[in-house]
Every structure is written in C-alpha cells, then in structure tokens.
C-alpha cells in the first residue's frame, strides 16, 4: 500500500496512516489542511532483539521502529513510528523525529 520499506501489514499501515494524519495537525505549518498531507515514504529502521512475551506468534513478534516521511503543503516532516505487538495484535505510537 505505502511506498518504502515498511514491514507493517496493510491493515496496520491503514491504522497508522489515520493516526499520522491526525498528529500532523501539531507538526505541519499553521493553515496547512489535511488534504495537503501525503505519505511519500516509509523506512524500516530497526527491530528489537527480544521477542515480546505475550505477542501473537509470527515474524513480527518483536517491537520495531520505522520512519515515515510526509509532505505537508510541500514541506517534509519525518515521524517515528514505534510498533509493539501484543496478544491482541500490534499497537503503535507516533512521534516527531
């Protein structure tokens, strides 16, 4: 779905993208409307070495970090996304790099 090297599933990408668009209001220039936000790249950064104890089994049973690059009214913003698997799926937190 999204360009770049994200390892998040399509469903997780959709959920994170929605949160990214909400959080951009605090990072984009004042007056830049959400219709002018565009995720133009994702980059897998690193994966923790330890498995998450209660995470569902599978290749993503470790927490990992990615950087998502967004253009907001033509200006680049990089957000750090921390993915943390758990018994119910995978949670995430978005913050500015």
PDB file of N, CA and C in Angstrom:
ATOM      1  N   UNK A   1       0.818  -1.189   0.000  1.00  0.00           N
ATOM      2  CA  UNK A   1       0.000   0.000   0.000  1.00  0.00           C
ATOM      3  C   UNK A   1       0.862   1.253   0.000  1.00  0.00           C
ATOM      4  N   UNK A   2       1.678   1.437   1.028  1.00  0.00           N
ATOM      5  CA  UNK A   2       2.515   2.639   1.099  1.00  0.00           C
ATOM      6  C   UNK A   2       3.882   2.383   0.478  1.00  0.00           C
ATOM      7  N   UNK A   3       4.500   3.411  -0.066  1.00  0.00           N
ATOM      8  CA  UNK A   3       5.836   3.242  -0.646  1.00  0.00           C
ATOM      9  C   UNK A   3       6.875   3.063   0.448  1.00  0.00           C
ATOM     10  N   UNK A   4       7.983   2.452   0.091  1.00  0.00           N
ATOM     11  CA  UNK A   4       9.099   2.334   1.025  1.00  0.00           C
ATOM     12  C   UNK A   4       9.257   0.933   1.572  1.00  0.00           C
ATOM     13  N   UNK A   5       9.936   0.851   2.710  1.00  0.00           N
ATOM     14  CA  UNK A   5      10.324  -0.446   3.257  1.00  0.00           C
ATOM     15  C   UNK A   5       9.598  -0.822   4.543  1.00  0.00           C
ATOM     16  N   UNK A   6       8.399  -0.285   4.772  1.00  0.00           N
ATOM     17  CA  UNK A   6       7.635  -0.675   5.946  1.00  0.00           C
ATOM     18  C   UNK A   6       7.414  -2.181   5.967  1.00  0.00           C
ATOM     19  N   UNK A   7       7.407  -2.752   7.166  1.00  0.00           N
ATOM     20  CA  UNK A   7       7.087  -4.175   7.288  1.00  0.00           C
ATOM     21  C   UNK A   7       5.707  -4.354   7.919  1.00  0.00           C
ATOM     22  N   UNK A   8       4.991  -3.258   8.130  1.00  0.00           N
ATOM     23  CA  UNK A   8       3.648  -3.325   8.696  1.00  0.00           C
ATOM     24  C   UNK A   8       2.685  -3.921   7.671  1.00  0.00           C
ATOM     25  N   UNK A   9       1.730  -4.698   8.159  1.00  0.00           N
ATOM     26  CA  UNK A   9       0.702  -5.262   7.284  1.00  0.00           C
ATOM     27  C   UNK A   9      -0.124  -4.125   6.675  1.00  0.00           C
ATOM     28  N   UNK A  10      -0.882  -4.437   5.644  1.00  0.00           N
ATOM     29  CA  UNK A  10      -1.726  -3.414   5.012  1.00  0.00           C
ATOM     30  C   UNK A  10      -2.740  -2.839   5.996  1.00  0.00           C
ATOM     31  N   UNK A  11      -3.321  -3.680   6.824  1.00  0.00           N
ATOM     32  CA  UNK A  11      -4.288  -3.207   7.818  1.00  0.00           C
ATOM     33  C   UNK A  11      -3.620  -2.278   8.823  1.00  0.00           C
ATOM     34  N   UNK A  12      -2.436  -2.647   9.272  1.00  0.00           N
ATOM     35  CA  UNK A  12      -1.701  -1.814  10.217  1.00  0.00           C
ATOM     36  C   UNK A  12      -1.264  -0.501   9.567  1.00  0.00           C
ATOM     37  N   UNK A  13      -0.839  -0.553   8.321  1.00  0.00           N
ATOM     38  CA  UNK A  13      -0.488   0.683   7.600  1.00  0.00           C
ATOM     39  C   UNK A  13      -1.672   1.636   7.566  1.00  0.00           C
ATOM     40  N   UNK A  14      -2.857   1.104   7.286  1.00  0.00           N
ATOM     41  CA  UNK A  14      -4.058   1.939   7.235  1.00  0.00           C
ATOM     42  C   UNK A  14      -4.333   2.591   8.592  1.00  0.00           C
ATOM     43  N   UNK A  15      -4.220   1.801   9.667  1.00  0.00           N
ATOM     44  CA  UNK A  15      -4.483   2.326  11.006  1.00  0.00           C
ATOM     45  C   UNK A  15      -3.462   3.387  11.399  1.00  0.00           C
ATOM     46  N   UNK A  16      -2.194   3.121  11.108  1.00  0.00           N
ATOM     47  CA  UNK A  16      -1.143   4.081  11.453  1.00  0.00           C
ATOM     48  C   UNK A  16      -1.300   5.350  10.617  1.00  0.00           C
ATOM     49  N   UNK A  17      -1.592   5.196   9.330  1.00  0.00           N
ATOM     50  CA  UNK A  17      -1.749   6.369   8.460  1.00  0.00           C
ATOM     51  C   UNK A  17      -2.834   7.294   8.997  1.00  0.00           C
ATOM     52  N   UNK A  18      -3.937   6.736   9.473  1.00  0.00           N
ATOM     53  CA  UNK A  18      -5.004   7.564  10.034  1.00  0.00           C
ATOM     54  C   UNK A  18      -4.493   8.353  11.236  1.00  0.00           C
ATOM     55  N   UNK A  19      -3.707   7.711  12.093  1.00  0.00           N
ATOM     56  CA  UNK A  19      -3.140   8.384  13.263  1.00  0.00           C
ATOM     57  C   UNK A  19      -2.105   9.419  12.859  1.00  0.00           C
ATOM     58  N   UNK A  20      -1.317   9.116  11.840  1.00  0.00           N
ATOM     59  CA  UNK A  20      -0.317  10.059  11.335  1.00  0.00           C
ATOM     60  C   UNK A  20      -1.000  11.337  10.857  1.00  0.00           C
ATOM     61  N   UNK A  21      -2.072  11.193  10.110  1.00  0.00           N
ATOM     62  CA  UNK A  21      -2.777  12.369   9.597  1.00  0.00           C
ATOM     63  C   UNK A  21      -3.327  13.222  10.737  1.00  0.00           C
ATOM     64  N   UNK A  22      -3.818  12.577  11.787  1.00  0.00           N
ATOM     65  CA  UNK A  22      -4.316  13.319  12.957  1.00  0.00           C
ATOM     66  C   UNK A  22      -3.169  14.055  13.637  1.00  0.00           C
ATOM     67  N   UNK A  23      -2.041  13.389  13.837  1.00  0.00           N
ATOM     68  CA  UNK A  23      -0.921  14.002  14.562  1.00  0.00           C
ATOM     69  C   UNK A  23      -0.231  15.101  13.755  1.00  0.00           C
ATOM     70  N   UNK A  24      -0.391  15.101  12.447  1.00  0.00           N
ATOM     71  CA  UNK A  24       0.255  16.127  11.626  1.00  0.00           C
ATOM     72  C   UNK A  24      -0.267  17.522  11.910  1.00  0.00           C
ATOM     73  N   UNK A  25      -1.466  17.614  12.439  1.00  0.00           N
ATOM     74  CA  UNK A  25      -2.001  18.916  12.797  1.00  0.00           C
ATOM     75  C   UNK A  25      -1.094  19.669  13.749  1.00  0.00           C
ATOM     76  N   UNK A  26      -0.372  18.940  14.603  1.00  0.00           N
ATOM     77  CA  UNK A  26       0.542  19.562  15.562  1.00  0.00           C
ATOM     78  C   UNK A  26       1.914  19.850  14.956  1.00  0.00           C
ATOM     79  N   UNK A  27       2.218  19.268  13.802  1.00  0.00           N
ATOM     80  CA  UNK A  27       3.562  19.397  13.229  1.00  0.00           C
ATOM     81  C   UNK A  27       3.614  20.188  11.925  1.00  0.00           C
ATOM     82  N   UNK A  28       2.517  20.222  11.202  1.00  0.00           N
ATOM     83  CA  UNK A  28       2.500  20.938   9.927  1.00  0.00           C
ATOM     84  C   UNK A  28       2.367  22.439  10.179  1.00  0.00           C
ATOM     85  N   UNK A  29       2.725  23.217   9.170  1.00  0.00           N
ATOM     86  CA  UNK A  29       2.577  24.666   9.290  1.00  0.00           C
ATOM     87  C   UNK A  29       1.118  25.031   9.520  1.00  0.00           C
ATOM     88  N   UNK A  30       0.914  26.053  10.300  1.00  0.00           N
ATOM     89  CA  UNK A  30      -0.442  26.515  10.567  1.00  0.00           C
ATOM     90  C   UNK A  30      -1.128  26.850   9.244  1.00  0.00           C
ATOM     91  N   UNK A  31      -2.358  26.383   9.113  1.00  0.00           N
ATOM     92  CA  UNK A  31      -3.113  26.655   7.897  1.00  0.00           C
ATOM     93  C   UNK A  31      -2.955  25.595   6.821  1.00  0.00           C
ATOM     94  N   UNK A  32      -2.072  24.611   7.031  1.00  0.00           N
ATOM     95  CA  UNK A  32      -1.905  23.539   6.047  1.00  0.00           C
ATOM     96  C   UNK A  32      -3.006  22.501   6.287  1.00  0.00           C
ATOM     97  N   UNK A  33      -3.947  22.358   5.348  1.00  0.00           N
ATOM     98  CA  UNK A  33      -5.075  21.444   5.559  1.00  0.00           C
ATOM     99  C   UNK A  33      -4.682  19.983   5.342  1.00  0.00           C
ATOM    100  N   UNK A  34      -5.369  19.068   6.020  1.00  0.00           N
ATOM    101  CA  UNK A  34      -5.089  17.637   5.839  1.00  0.00           C
ATOM    102  C   UNK A  34      -5.152  17.180   4.390  1.00  0.00           C
ATOM    103  N   UNK A  35      -5.911  17.861   3.560  1.00  0.00           N
ATOM    104  CA  UNK A  35      -5.977  17.466   2.153  1.00  0.00           C
ATOM    105  C   UNK A  35      -4.630  17.654   1.450  1.00  0.00           C
ATOM    106  N   UNK A  36      -3.718  18.362   2.096  1.00  0.00           N
ATOM    107  CA  UNK A  36      -2.388  18.598   1.527  1.00  0.00           C
ATOM    108  C   UNK A  36      -1.309  17.731   2.175  1.00  0.00           C
ATOM    109  N   UNK A  37      -1.705  16.703   2.934  1.00  0.00           N
ATOM    110  CA  UNK A  37      -0.758  15.759   3.538  1.00  0.00           C
ATOM    111  C   UNK A  37      -0.595  14.571   2.600  1.00  0.00           C
ATOM    112  N   UNK A  38       0.631  14.092   2.456  1.00  0.00           N
ATOM    113  CA  UNK A  38       0.909  12.968   1.573  1.00  0.00           C
ATOM    114  C   UNK A  38       2.054  12.150   2.154  1.00  0.00           C
ATOM    115  N   UNK A  39       1.808  10.879   2.457  1.00  0.00           N
ATOM    116  CA  UNK A  39       2.869   9.983   2.931  1.00  0.00           C
ATOM    117  C   UNK A  39       3.652   9.548   1.703  1.00  0.00           C
ATOM    118  N   UNK A  40       4.903  10.016   1.609  1.00  0.00           N
ATOM    119  CA  UNK A  40       5.648   9.715   0.385  1.00  0.00           C
ATOM    120  C   UNK A  40       6.718   8.648   0.556  1.00  0.00           C
ATOM    121  N   UNK A  41       6.984   8.213   1.810  1.00  0.00           N
ATOM    122  CA  UNK A  41       7.972   7.152   2.005  1.00  0.00           C
ATOM    123  C   UNK A  41       7.822   6.572   3.400  1.00  0.00           C
ATOM    124  N   UNK A  42       8.165   5.293   3.520  1.00  0.00           N
ATOM    125  CA  UNK A  42       8.278   4.635   4.818  1.00  0.00           C
ATOM    126  C   UNK A  42       9.627   3.940   4.839  1.00  0.00           C
ATOM    127  N   UNK A  43      10.241   3.927   6.013  1.00  0.00           N
ATOM    128  CA  UNK A  43      11.558   3.294   6.098  1.00  0.00           C
ATOM    129  C   UNK A  43      11.642   2.464   7.371  1.00  0.00           C
ATOM    130  N   UNK A  44      11.825   1.151   7.204  1.00  0.00           N
ATOM    131  CA  UNK A  44      12.084   0.280   8.340  1.00  0.00           C
ATOM    132  C   UNK A  44      13.423   0.693   8.927  1.00  0.00           C
ATOM    133  N   UNK A  45      13.496   0.887  10.254  1.00  0.00           N
ATOM    134  CA  UNK A  45      14.729   1.339  10.897  1.00  0.00           C
ATOM    135  C   UNK A  45      15.396   0.201  11.657  1.00  0.00           C
ATOM    136  N   UNK A  46      14.664  -0.426  12.582  1.00  0.00           N
ATOM    137  CA  UNK A  46      15.275  -1.491  13.380  1.00  0.00           C
ATOM    138  C   UNK A  46      14.205  -2.323  14.065  1.00  0.00           C
ATOM    139  N   UNK A  47      14.610  -3.517  14.483  1.00  0.00           N
ATOM    140  CA  UNK A  47      13.735  -4.412  15.224  1.00  0.00           C
ATOM    141  C   UNK A  47      14.439  -4.800  16.517  1.00  0.00           C
ATOM    142  N   UNK A  48      13.684  -4.832  17.604  1.00  0.00           N
ATOM    143  CA  UNK A  48      14.252  -5.254  18.879  1.00  0.00           C
ATOM    144  C   UNK A  48      14.743  -6.692  18.781  1.00  0.00           C
ATOM    145  N   UNK A  49      15.752  -7.022  19.559  1.00  0.00           N
ATOM    146  CA  UNK A  49      16.291  -8.382  19.524  1.00  0.00           C
ATOM    147  C   UNK A  49      15.446  -9.356  20.342  1.00  0.00           C
ATOM    148  N   UNK A  50      14.730  -8.861  21.333  1.00  0.00           N
ATOM    149  CA  UNK A  50      13.932  -9.737  22.198  1.00  0.00           C
ATOM    150  C   UNK A  50      12.503  -9.845  21.702  1.00  0.00           C
ATOM    151  N   UNK A  51      11.958 -11.058  21.796  1.00  0.00           N
ATOM    152  CA  UNK A  51      10.551 -11.279  21.476  1.00  0.00           C
ATOM    153  C   UNK A  51       9.688 -10.637  22.550  1.00  0.00           C
ATOM    154  N   UNK A  52       8.514 -10.152  22.168  1.00  0.00           N
ATOM    155  CA  UNK A  52       7.552  -9.635  23.129  1.00  0.00           C
ATOM    156  C   UNK A  52       6.835 -10.841  23.722  1.00  0.00           C
ATOM    157  N   UNK A  53       6.855 -10.954  25.041  1.00  0.00           N
ATOM    158  CA  UNK A  53       6.379 -12.154  25.731  1.00  0.00           C
ATOM    159  C   UNK A  53       4.955 -12.562  25.363  1.00  0.00           C
ATOM    160  N   UNK A  54       4.029 -11.627  25.322  1.00  0.00           N
ATOM    161  CA  UNK A  54       2.630 -12.001  25.086  1.00  0.00           C
ATOM    162  C   UNK A  54       2.178 -11.759  23.649  1.00  0.00           C
ATOM    163  N   UNK A  55       3.098 -11.527  22.749  1.00  0.00           N
ATOM    164  CA  UNK A  55       2.734 -11.231  21.357  1.00  0.00           C
ATOM    165  C   UNK A  55       2.272 -12.488  20.630  1.00  0.00           C
ATOM    166  N   UNK A  56       1.395 -12.294  19.651  1.00  0.00           N
ATOM    167  CA  UNK A  56       0.994 -13.407  18.802  1.00  0.00           C
ATOM    168  C   UNK A  56       2.238 -13.948  18.092  1.00  0.00           C
ATOM    169  N   UNK A  57       2.270 -15.231  17.836  1.00  0.00           N
ATOM    170  CA  UNK A  57       3.407 -15.831  17.137  1.00  0.00           C
ATOM    171  C   UNK A  57       3.492 -15.293  15.714  1.00  0.00           C
ATOM    172  N   UNK A  58       4.672 -15.271  15.183  1.00  0.00           N
ATOM    173  CA  UNK A  58       4.861 -14.829  13.810  1.00  0.00           C
ATOM    174  C   UNK A  58       6.121 -14.006  13.663  1.00  0.00           C
ATOM    175  N   UNK A  59       6.405 -13.557  12.439  1.00  0.00           N
ATOM    176  CA  UNK A  59       7.661 -12.852  12.168  1.00  0.00           C
ATOM    177  C   UNK A  59       7.739 -11.491  12.848  1.00  0.00           C
ATOM    178  N   UNK A  60       6.600 -10.922  13.220  1.00  0.00           N
ATOM    179  CA  UNK A  60       6.622  -9.607  13.851  1.00  0.00           C
ATOM    180  C   UNK A  60       6.331  -9.690  15.344  1.00  0.00           C
ATOM    181  N   UNK A  61       6.857 -10.695  16.008  1.00  0.00           N
ATOM    182  CA  UNK A  61       6.665 -10.849  17.451  1.00  0.00           C
ATOM    183  C   UNK A  61       7.675 -10.013  18.232  1.00  0.00           C
ATOM    184  N   UNK A  62       8.333  -9.102  17.558  1.00  0.00           N
ATOM    185  CA  UNK A  62       9.268  -8.172  18.185  1.00  0.00           C
ATOM    186  C   UNK A  62       8.808  -6.747  17.874  1.00  0.00           C
ATOM    187  N   UNK A  63       9.099  -5.847  18.784  1.00  0.00           N
ATOM    188  CA  UNK A  63       8.785  -4.439  18.528  1.00  0.00           C
ATOM    189  C   UNK A  63       9.763  -3.914  17.478  1.00  0.00           C
ATOM    190  N   UNK A  64       9.317  -2.931  16.694  1.00  0.00           N
ATOM    191  CA  UNK A  64      10.207  -2.358  15.694  1.00  0.00           C
ATOM    192  C   UNK A  64       9.904  -0.881  15.485  1.00  0.00           C
ATOM    193  N   UNK A  65      10.857  -0.200  14.855  1.00  0.00           N
ATOM    194  CA  UNK A  65      10.738   1.233  14.580  1.00  0.00           C
ATOM    195  C   UNK A  65      10.819   1.485  13.081  1.00  0.00           C
ATOM    196  N   UNK A  66      10.035   2.469  12.656  1.00  0.00           N
ATOM    197  CA  UNK A  66      10.074   2.923  11.270  1.00  0.00           C
ATOM    198  C   UNK A  66      10.048   4.447  11.259  1.00  0.00           C
ATOM    199  N   UNK A  67      10.483   5.022  10.157  1.00  0.00           N
ATOM    200  CA  UNK A  67      10.351   6.460   9.924  1.00  0.00           C
ATOM    201  C   UNK A  67       9.450   6.641   8.718  1.00  0.00           C
ATOM    202  N   UNK A  68       8.441   7.460   8.895  1.00  0.00           N
ATOM    203  CA  UNK A  68       7.510   7.742   7.811  1.00  0.00           C
ATOM    204  C   UNK A  68       7.697   9.190   7.398  1.00  0.00           C
ATOM    205  N   UNK A  69       7.934   9.407   6.118  1.00  0.00           N
ATOM    206  CA  UNK A  69       8.137  10.754   5.579  1.00  0.00           C
ATOM    207  C   UNK A  69       6.828  11.245   4.978  1.00  0.00           C
ATOM    208  N   UNK A  70       6.459  12.429   5.381  1.00  0.00           N
ATOM    209  CA  UNK A  70       5.211  13.027   4.933  1.00  0.00           C
ATOM    210  C   UNK A  70       5.502  14.392   4.329  1.00  0.00           C
ATOM    211  N   UNK A  71       4.803  14.724   3.270  1.00  0.00           N
ATOM    212  CA  UNK A  71       4.831  16.085   2.734  1.00  0.00           C
ATOM    213  C   UNK A  71       3.547  16.759   3.208  1.00  0.00           C
ATOM    214  N   UNK A  72       3.693  17.892   3.861  1.00  0.00           N
ATOM    215  CA  UNK A  72       2.549  18.672   4.328  1.00  0.00           C
ATOM    216  C   UNK A  72       2.657  20.046   3.680  1.00  0.00           C
ATOM    217  N   UNK A  73       1.800  20.309   2.727  1.00  0.00           N
ATOM    218  CA  UNK A  73       1.872  21.542   1.928  1.00  0.00           C
ATOM    219  C   UNK A  73       3.250  21.679   1.291  1.00  0.00           C
ATOM    220  N   UNK A  74       3.790  20.547   0.844  1.00  0.00           N
ATOM    221  CA  UNK A  74       5.068  20.527   0.152  1.00  0.00           C
ATOM    222  C   UNK A  74       6.295  20.523   1.045  1.00  0.00           C
ATOM    223  N   UNK A  75       6.114  20.610   2.358  1.00  0.00           N
ATOM    224  CA  UNK A  75       7.259  20.620   3.280  1.00  0.00           C
ATOM    225  C   UNK A  75       7.398  19.258   3.942  1.00  0.00           C
ATOM    226  N   UNK A  76       8.632  18.726   3.996  1.00  0.00           N
ATOM    227  CA  UNK A  76       8.824  17.382   4.555  1.00  0.00           C
ATOM    228  C   UNK A  76       8.753  17.364   6.088  1.00  0.00           C
ATOM    229  N   UNK A  77       8.112  16.320   6.594  1.00  0.00           N
ATOM    230  CA  UNK A  77       8.051  16.043   8.029  1.00  0.00           C
ATOM    231  C   UNK A  77       8.341  14.560   8.185  1.00  0.00           C
ATOM    232  N   UNK A  78       9.230  14.206   9.110  1.00  0.00           N
ATOM    233  CA  UNK A  78       9.527  12.801   9.360  1.00  0.00           C
ATOM    234  C   UNK A  78       8.986  12.440  10.741  1.00  0.00           C
ATOM    235  N   UNK A  79       8.168  11.394  10.766  1.00  0.00           N
ATOM    236  CA  UNK A  79       7.616  10.896  12.015  1.00  0.00           C
ATOM    237  C   UNK A  79       8.189   9.520  12.309  1.00  0.00           C
ATOM    238  N   UNK A  80       8.456   9.277  13.567  1.00  0.00           N
ATOM    239  CA  UNK A  80       8.955   7.983  14.018  1.00  0.00           C
ATOM    240  C   UNK A  80       7.759   7.183  14.491  1.00  0.00           C
ATOM    241  N   UNK A  81       7.623   5.959  13.996  1.00  0.00           N
ATOM    242  CA  UNK A  81       6.521   5.087  14.400  1.00  0.00           C
ATOM    243  C   UNK A  81       7.120   3.887  15.121  1.00  0.00           C
ATOM    244  N   UNK A  82       6.668   3.664  16.353  1.00  0.00           N
ATOM    245  CA  UNK A  82       7.102   2.523  17.165  1.00  0.00           C
ATOM    246  C   UNK A  82       5.967   1.511  17.169  1.00  0.00           C
ATOM    247  N   UNK A  83       6.222   0.324  16.636  1.00  0.00           N
ATOM    248  CA  UNK A  83       5.246  -0.758  16.589  1.00  0.00           C
ATOM    249  C   UNK A  83       5.534  -1.735  17.720  1.00  0.00           C
ATOM    250  N   UNK A  84       4.499  -2.092  18.474  1.00  0.00           N
ATOM    251  CA  UNK A  84       4.680  -3.017  19.592  1.00  0.00           C
ATOM    252  C   UNK A  84       3.596  -4.088  19.537  1.00  0.00           C
ATOM    253  N   UNK A  85       3.983  -5.315  19.164  1.00  0.00           N
ATOM    254  CA  UNK A  85       2.998  -6.391  19.114  1.00  0.00           C
ATOM    255  C   UNK A  85       2.550  -6.779  20.530  1.00  0.00           C
ATOM    256  N   UNK A  86       1.305  -7.248  20.608  1.00  0.00           N
ATOM    257  CA  UNK A  86       0.797  -7.738  21.883  1.00  0.00           C
ATOM    258  C   UNK A  86      -0.167  -8.890  21.602  1.00  0.00           C
ATOM    259  N   UNK A  87      -0.860  -9.351  22.625  1.00  0.00           N
ATOM    260  CA  UNK A  87      -1.748 -10.506  22.465  1.00  0.00           C
ATOM    261  C   UNK A  87      -2.911 -10.224  21.514  1.00  0.00           C
ATOM    262  N   UNK A  88      -3.288  -8.959  21.368  1.00  0.00           N
ATOM    263  CA  UNK A  88      -4.426  -8.605  20.517  1.00  0.00           C
ATOM    264  C   UNK A  88      -4.021  -8.234  19.100  1.00  0.00           C
ATOM    265  N   UNK A  89      -2.767  -8.012  18.837  1.00  0.00           N
ATOM    266  CA  UNK A  89      -2.306  -7.590  17.506  1.00  0.00           C
ATOM    267  C   UNK A  89      -1.046  -6.777  17.625  1.00  0.00           C
ATOM    268  N   UNK A  90      -1.058  -5.554  17.112  1.00  0.00           N
ATOM    269  CA  UNK A  90       0.109  -4.676  17.177  1.00  0.00           C
ATOM    270  C   UNK A  90      -0.350  -3.255  17.471  1.00  0.00           C
ATOM    271  N   UNK A  91       0.194  -2.692  18.544  1.00  0.00           N
ATOM    272  CA  UNK A  91      -0.070  -1.295  18.861  1.00  0.00           C
ATOM    273  C   UNK A  91       1.023  -0.427  18.236  1.00  0.00           C
ATOM    274  N   UNK A  92       0.827   0.860  18.273  1.00  0.00           N
ATOM    275  CA  UNK A  92       1.825   1.761  17.702  1.00  0.00           C
ATOM    276  C   UNK A  92       1.753   3.110  18.387  1.00  0.00           C
ATOM    277  N   UNK A  93       2.859   3.823  18.302  1.00  0.00           N
ATOM    278  CA  UNK A  93       2.943   5.193  18.812  1.00  0.00           C
ATOM    279  C   UNK A  93       3.646   6.014  17.747  1.00  0.00           C
ATOM    280  N   UNK A  94       3.157   7.237  17.529  1.00  0.00           N
ATOM    281  CA  UNK A  94       3.708   8.127  16.506  1.00  0.00           C
ATOM    282  C   UNK A  94       4.250   9.361  17.198  1.00  0.00           C
ATOM    283  N   UNK A  95       5.489   9.742  16.841  1.00  0.00           N
ATOM    284  CA  UNK A  95       6.069  10.969  17.384  1.00  0.00           C
ATOM    285  C   UNK A  95       6.964  11.591  16.326  1.00  0.00           C
ATOM    286  N   UNK A  96       7.216  12.870  16.474  1.00  0.00           N
ATOM    287  CA  UNK A  96       8.090  13.551  15.512  1.00  0.00           C
ATOM    288  C   UNK A  96       9.530  13.128  15.768  1.00  0.00           C
ATOM    289  N   UNK A  97      10.251  12.927  14.691  1.00  0.00           N
ATOM    290  CA  UNK A  97      11.659  12.528  14.810  1.00  0.00           C
ATOM    291  C   UNK A  97      12.483  13.706  15.278  1.00  0.00           C
TER     292      UNK A  97
END
